[in-house]
Amino acid sequence: MVLKNPVIAASGTFSFGAEYARVYDVSCLGGICTKGLTLHPRRGNPPPRLWETPCGLLNSIGLENPGVETFLREELPRMRDLGTVVIANIWGETPEEYGELAERLSGSGVDAIELNLSCPNVPGIGLLGGSAKGTAWAVRVARAACGEPLWVKLPPEGDVLGAARAAEKEGAEAISAANTFRGLAIDIATGRPVFANTFGGLSGPAIKPLALRLVYELSQAVSIPVIGIGGIASWEDALEFIMAGAHAVQVGTANFIDPLCAPRIIRGLEVFLKERGIETWEGIRGCAH
């Protein structure tokens, strides 16, 4: 699977791409990850769903989405017209649901499927990626059900290295790392947690050093590509992840701060390569090791 550049819009921060297509030509992106898709429509968590933190953002969206059938019927045809790679992010309440979702999406026109094994703000087993056994179970079922490239999005907590190795062994083509960190905010007026689901997922520049360390370790632990996620807001941030070993990066929270963030990152990376006479990223990927 070849991307035109290493910059991908992260799941949950770019909807299905059409909204940002009104702001700029999103065909410049290396790819777009869809909102997390489930078998059936989800309304998500009650508000509030977002809470700003120093240099970051807590979210408790709760995977609101129209369901996979509506996605296939209404959203995917529009995404295919956007001119870039489409990665379908999926979440299941059981490994069998991951398999069913992967089967429905197989042959549909998506370019890859990203198993979300790490959503921190929904109940159930959405943190399967925190263990090697749980990850292996979900990847095995999904791999048997589809022929598309399979990416596995892991949490930043738990046995992440073991989970990544298990994913590779079961046939995953890439590791996306990492999802948000579980965090808590308390409303001092009420003395209660801000979110109805108590915890939310922390993203943004505050988590970048932690995510970068994880990508550094993962790129040495597995032989499949690692896609870096976490606090990337500039081309310099993206470059650090590539130097740590990432094959691509996903830009998430920064899209809320600056809707033109992703194309700015792409241009910055292109200038970096040109100024140094580097033809491909292979000449610099993992140089920090």
Protein backbone atom coordinates (compact mmCIF):
# COMPACT_ATOMS: atom_id res chain seq x y z
CA MET A 1 0.00 0.00 0.00
CA VAL A 2 1.50 3.32 -1.13
CA LEU A 3 0.57 6.75 0.22
CA LYS A 4 1.32 9.92 -1.76
CA ASN A 5 2.82 11.39 1.43
CA PRO A 6 3.05 10.30 5.09
CA VAL A 7 0.34 12.61 6.50
CA ILE A 8 -3.05 11.05 7.34
CA ALA A 9 -6.09 12.66 8.96
CA ALA A 10 -6.77 10.78 12.21
CA SER A 11 -10.04 9.03 13.00
CA GLY A 12 -12.60 11.04 14.91
CA THR A 13 -11.09 14.41 14.00
CA PHE A 14 -11.93 14.64 10.29
CA SER A 15 -15.41 13.13 10.10
CA PHE A 16 -15.68 11.61 6.60
CA GLY A 17 -13.62 14.30 4.90
CA ALA A 18 -16.38 16.25 3.15
CA GLU A 19 -16.48 18.96 5.82
CA TYR A 20 -12.78 19.78 5.42
CA ALA A 21 -13.06 19.51 1.63
CA ARG A 22 -14.95 22.81 1.81
CA VAL A 23 -11.84 24.39 3.34
CA TYR A 24 -9.06 22.92 1.17
CA ASP A 25 -8.37 20.21 -1.42
CA VAL A 26 -8.08 17.15 0.81
CA SER A 27 -6.68 15.11 -2.07
CA CYS A 28 -3.31 16.46 -0.90
CA LEU A 29 -3.50 14.16 2.14
CA GLY A 30 -1.82 10.80 2.28
CA GLY A 31 -5.11 9.38 3.56
CA ILE A 32 -8.20 9.92 5.69
CA CYS A 33 -9.28 7.70 8.58
CA THR A 34 -13.04 7.61 9.01
CA LYS A 35 -14.86 8.22 12.25
CA GLY A 36 -15.01 5.01 14.26
CA LEU A 37 -17.63 2.76 12.65
CA THR A 38 -19.80 0.27 14.50
CA LEU A 39 -22.24 -2.38 13.30
CA HIS A 40 -25.22 -0.26 14.28
CA PRO A 41 -25.66 3.53 14.61
CA ARG A 42 -24.48 5.03 17.91
CA ARG A 43 -25.64 8.27 19.49
CA GLY A 44 -22.48 8.61 21.54
CA ASN A 45 -22.11 9.91 25.07
CA PRO A 46 -24.23 12.71 26.55
CA PRO A 47 -22.67 16.19 26.65
CA PRO A 48 -20.34 17.64 27.59
CA ARG A 49 -18.01 15.71 25.29
CA LEU A 50 -14.98 17.99 25.04
CA TRP A 51 -12.91 19.61 27.78
CA GLU A 52 -9.84 21.72 27.15
CA THR A 53 -6.72 21.05 29.20
CA PRO A 54 -3.29 22.73 29.23
CA CYS A 55 -1.80 21.96 25.80
CA GLY A 56 -4.41 19.30 25.17
CA LEU A 57 -8.00 18.18 24.87
CA LEU A 58 -10.07 15.59 26.71
CA ASN A 59 -12.85 13.99 24.69
CA SER A 60 -15.69 11.65 25.53
CA ILE A 61 -17.48 11.46 22.20
CA GLY A 62 -18.50 7.84 22.65
CA LEU A 63 -18.10 6.76 19.02
CA GLU A 64 -21.14 8.58 17.64
CA ASN A 65 -21.50 7.35 14.05
CA PRO A 66 -24.18 6.38 11.52
CA GLY A 67 -23.28 2.67 11.48
CA VAL A 68 -21.46 0.69 8.82
CA GLU A 69 -24.43 0.22 6.47
CA THR A 70 -25.13 3.96 6.23
CA PHE A 71 -21.41 4.57 5.78
CA LEU A 72 -21.24 2.15 2.87
CA ARG A 73 -24.37 3.53 1.25
CA GLU A 74 -23.93 7.29 1.78
CA GLU A 75 -20.46 8.27 2.98
CA LEU A 76 -18.04 5.94 1.21
CA PRO A 77 -19.04 6.99 -2.35
CA ARG A 78 -18.35 10.62 -1.39
CA MET A 79 -15.05 9.69 0.24
CA ARG A 80 -13.92 7.85 -2.88
CA ASP A 81 -14.34 11.11 -4.80
CA LEU A 82 -12.00 12.99 -2.47
CA GLY A 83 -8.93 11.67 -4.26
CA THR A 84 -7.01 10.08 -1.43
CA VAL A 85 -6.67 6.80 0.46
CA VAL A 86 -9.65 5.82 2.63
CA ILE A 87 -9.00 3.97 5.88
CA ALA A 88 -12.10 2.65 7.65
CA ASN A 89 -11.69 2.75 11.43
CA ILE A 90 -13.89 0.13 13.12
CA TRP A 91 -14.87 -0.66 16.72
CA GLY A 92 -16.60 -3.79 17.97
CA GLU A 93 -17.98 -4.84 21.32
CA THR A 94 -16.64 -8.36 20.73
CA PRO A 95 -13.94 -9.86 18.48
CA GLU A 96 -16.77 -11.38 16.45
CA GLU A 97 -18.10 -7.88 15.76
CA TYR A 98 -14.70 -6.85 14.47
CA GLY A 99 -14.87 -9.81 12.12
CA GLU A 100 -18.37 -8.92 10.96
CA LEU A 101 -17.41 -5.30 10.34
CA ALA A 102 -14.26 -6.32 8.47
CA GLU A 103 -16.30 -8.68 6.31
CA ARG A 104 -18.83 -5.96 5.44
CA LEU A 105 -16.04 -3.56 4.47
CA SER A 106 -14.00 -6.10 2.52
CA GLY A 107 -14.30 -5.40 -1.18
CA SER A 108 -16.31 -2.23 -0.53
CA GLY A 109 -13.74 0.18 -1.91
CA VAL A 110 -11.95 1.17 1.30
CA ASP A 111 -8.17 0.96 0.96
CA ALA A 112 -7.45 -0.30 4.47
CA ILE A 113 -9.22 -1.17 7.71
CA GLU A 114 -8.00 0.13 11.05
CA LEU A 115 -9.07 -1.91 14.05
CA ASN A 116 -9.72 0.45 16.94
CA LEU A 117 -8.72 -1.70 19.90
CA SER A 118 -8.18 1.28 22.16
CA CYS A 119 -11.15 3.62 22.56
CA PRO A 120 -10.94 4.97 26.14
CA ASN A 121 -14.39 6.55 26.43
CA VAL A 122 -16.84 3.73 25.80
CA PRO A 123 -17.72 0.80 28.09
CA GLY A 124 -16.99 -2.78 27.10
CA ILE A 125 -13.85 -4.39 25.71
CA GLY A 126 -12.68 -1.49 23.59
CA LEU A 127 -9.25 -1.70 25.25
CA LEU A 128 -8.45 -5.13 23.82
CA GLY A 129 -5.26 -3.63 22.46
CA GLY A 130 -3.87 -3.34 25.96
CA SER A 131 -3.07 -7.07 26.01
CA ALA A 132 -1.37 -9.42 23.60
CA LYS A 133 -4.08 -12.06 24.01
CA GLY A 134 -6.96 -9.67 23.35
CA THR A 135 -5.22 -8.12 20.36
CA ALA A 136 -4.40 -11.49 18.84
CA TRP A 137 -8.02 -12.59 19.24
CA ALA A 138 -9.48 -9.54 17.48
CA VAL A 139 -6.88 -9.44 14.69
CA ARG A 140 -7.24 -13.16 14.00
CA VAL A 141 -11.00 -12.88 13.56
CA ALA A 142 -10.78 -9.74 11.42
CA ARG A 143 -7.94 -11.10 9.29
CA ALA A 144 -9.95 -14.19 8.44
CA ALA A 145 -12.89 -12.03 7.34
CA CYS A 146 -11.25 -9.56 4.97
CA GLY A 147 -8.60 -9.18 2.31
CA GLU A 148 -7.84 -5.48 2.76
CA PRO A 149 -4.71 -4.23 4.51
CA LEU A 150 -5.35 -4.40 8.25
CA TRP A 151 -4.03 -1.77 10.64
CA VAL A 152 -4.30 -2.09 14.42
CA LYS A 153 -4.73 1.04 16.56
CA LEU A 154 -3.35 0.39 20.02
CA PRO A 155 -3.75 2.24 23.33
CA PRO A 156 -0.76 3.93 24.94
CA GLU A 157 -1.23 1.88 28.09
CA GLY A 158 -0.91 -1.81 28.92
CA ASP A 159 1.32 -4.36 27.21
CA VAL A 160 1.62 -2.31 24.03
CA LEU A 161 4.78 -3.96 22.70
CA GLY A 162 3.36 -7.42 23.33
CA ALA A 163 0.10 -6.44 21.68
CA ALA A 164 1.94 -5.10 18.62
CA ARG A 165 3.94 -8.31 18.25
CA ALA A 166 0.73 -10.33 18.56
CA ALA A 167 -0.95 -8.19 15.90
CA GLU A 168 1.94 -8.73 13.52
CA LYS A 169 1.92 -12.48 14.14
CA GLU A 170 -1.81 -12.65 13.35
CA GLY A 171 -1.40 -10.87 10.03
CA ALA A 172 -1.74 -7.13 10.66
CA GLU A 173 0.00 -4.96 8.07
CA ALA A 174 0.61 -1.91 10.29
CA ILE A 175 0.41 -0.62 13.86
CA SER A 176 -1.20 2.75 14.60
CA ALA A 177 0.10 4.16 17.86
CA ALA A 178 -1.20 5.49 19.90
CA ASN A 179 -4.76 6.32 20.81
CA THR A 180 -5.54 8.86 23.52
CA PHE A 181 -4.48 8.52 27.14
CA ARG A 182 -7.25 7.99 29.66
CA GLY A 183 -7.74 11.16 31.66
CA LEU A 184 -10.12 12.79 34.11
CA ALA A 185 -11.51 16.28 34.59
CA ILE A 186 -13.60 17.35 37.60
CA ASP A 187 -16.12 20.17 37.63
CA ILE A 188 -15.24 22.06 40.81
CA ALA A 189 -18.71 23.63 40.90
CA THR A 190 -20.36 20.23 41.35
CA GLY A 191 -17.46 18.19 42.66
CA ARG A 192 -18.22 15.54 40.04
CA PRO A 193 -16.40 14.30 36.93
CA VAL A 194 -17.12 16.46 33.90
CA PHE A 195 -17.99 13.49 31.69
CA ALA A 196 -20.95 11.18 32.20
CA ASN A 197 -18.61 8.30 31.36
CA THR A 198 -16.15 9.61 34.01
CA PHE A 199 -12.99 9.27 31.93
CA GLY A 200 -12.08 10.78 28.59
CA GLY A 201 -9.23 10.48 26.12
CA LEU A 202 -6.41 13.03 26.35
CA SER A 203 -4.89 14.19 23.07
CA GLY A 204 -2.95 17.18 21.75
CA PRO A 205 0.62 18.51 22.11
CA ALA A 206 0.75 17.51 25.79
CA ILE A 207 1.04 13.82 24.90
CA LYS A 208 3.57 14.12 22.06
CA PRO A 209 6.70 13.11 24.02
CA LEU A 210 4.89 10.04 25.37
CA ALA A 211 3.58 9.01 21.95
CA LEU A 212 6.99 9.62 20.37
CA ARG A 213 8.65 7.34 22.90
CA LEU A 214 6.11 4.64 22.15
CA VAL A 215 6.68 4.85 18.38
CA TYR A 216 10.44 4.71 18.98
CA GLU A 217 10.02 1.46 20.91
CA LEU A 218 7.42 -0.08 18.59
CA SER A 219 9.46 0.51 15.45
CA GLN A 220 12.14 -1.71 16.96
CA ALA A 221 9.73 -4.30 18.32
CA VAL A 222 7.93 -5.15 15.04
CA SER A 223 8.92 -5.39 11.39
CA ILE A 224 5.65 -4.02 10.00
CA PRO A 225 5.14 -0.25 9.55
CA VAL A 226 4.27 1.91 12.54
CA ILE A 227 1.98 4.91 12.07
CA GLY A 228 2.70 7.60 14.65
CA ILE A 229 -0.14 9.42 16.41
CA GLY A 230 -0.13 11.85 19.29
CA GLY A 231 0.23 15.62 19.51
CA ILE A 232 1.48 16.22 15.97
CA ALA A 233 0.82 19.86 15.09
CA SER A 234 3.74 20.88 12.86
CA TRP A 235 6.03 19.45 10.21
CA GLU A 236 8.78 19.36 12.82
CA ASP A 237 6.59 17.16 15.02
CA ALA A 238 5.89 14.82 12.09
CA LEU A 239 9.59 14.69 11.25
CA GLU A 240 10.45 13.61 14.79
CA PHE A 241 8.05 10.67 14.49
CA ILE A 242 9.60 9.64 11.16
CA MET A 243 13.07 9.88 12.65
CA ALA A 244 11.80 7.71 15.52
CA GLY A 245 10.83 5.06 12.96
CA ALA A 246 7.28 5.88 11.81
CA HIS A 247 6.31 5.18 8.20
CA ALA A 248 3.45 7.69 8.40
CA VAL A 249 1.74 9.96 10.91
CA GLN A 250 -1.84 10.81 11.78
CA VAL A 251 -2.87 14.37 12.60
CA GLY A 252 -5.84 14.67 14.94
CA THR A 253 -6.46 17.37 17.54
CA ALA A 254 -4.39 19.89 15.56
CA ASN A 255 -7.16 19.87 12.92
CA PHE A 256 -9.43 21.53 15.49
CA ILE A 257 -6.85 24.21 16.29
CA ASP A 258 -6.00 24.92 12.65
CA PRO A 259 -8.10 23.32 9.88
CA LEU A 260 -5.19 23.92 7.48
CA CYS A 261 -2.72 22.15 9.75
CA ALA A 262 -2.33 18.97 7.65
CA PRO A 263 -1.49 20.67 4.33
CA ARG A 264 0.96 22.94 6.18
CA ILE A 265 2.69 19.84 7.59
CA ILE A 266 2.86 18.26 4.13
CA ARG A 267 4.43 21.39 2.61
CA GLY A 268 6.93 21.64 5.46
CA LEU A 269 8.03 18.04 5.00
CA GLU A 270 8.39 18.52 1.24
CA VAL A 271 10.60 21.59 1.77
CA PHE A 272 12.72 19.67 4.28
CA LEU A 273 13.38 16.88 1.77
CA LYS A 274 14.13 19.29 -1.06
CA GLU A 275 16.50 21.49 0.92
CA ARG A 276 18.53 18.47 2.01
CA GLY A 277 18.47 16.68 -1.31
CA ILE A 278 16.75 13.63 0.17
CA GLU A 279 14.71 11.68 -2.40
CA THR A 280 12.77 9.33 -0.13
CA TRP A 281 12.00 9.01 3.55
CA GLU A 282 13.96 5.76 3.68
CA GLY A 283 17.10 7.85 3.96
CA ILE A 284 16.01 9.32 7.27
CA ARG A 285 13.38 7.02 8.79
CA GLY A 286 14.51 5.62 12.12
CA CYS A 287 17.75 7.64 12.10
CA ALA A 288 17.26 8.36 15.82
CA HIS A 289 17.92 4.73 16.70
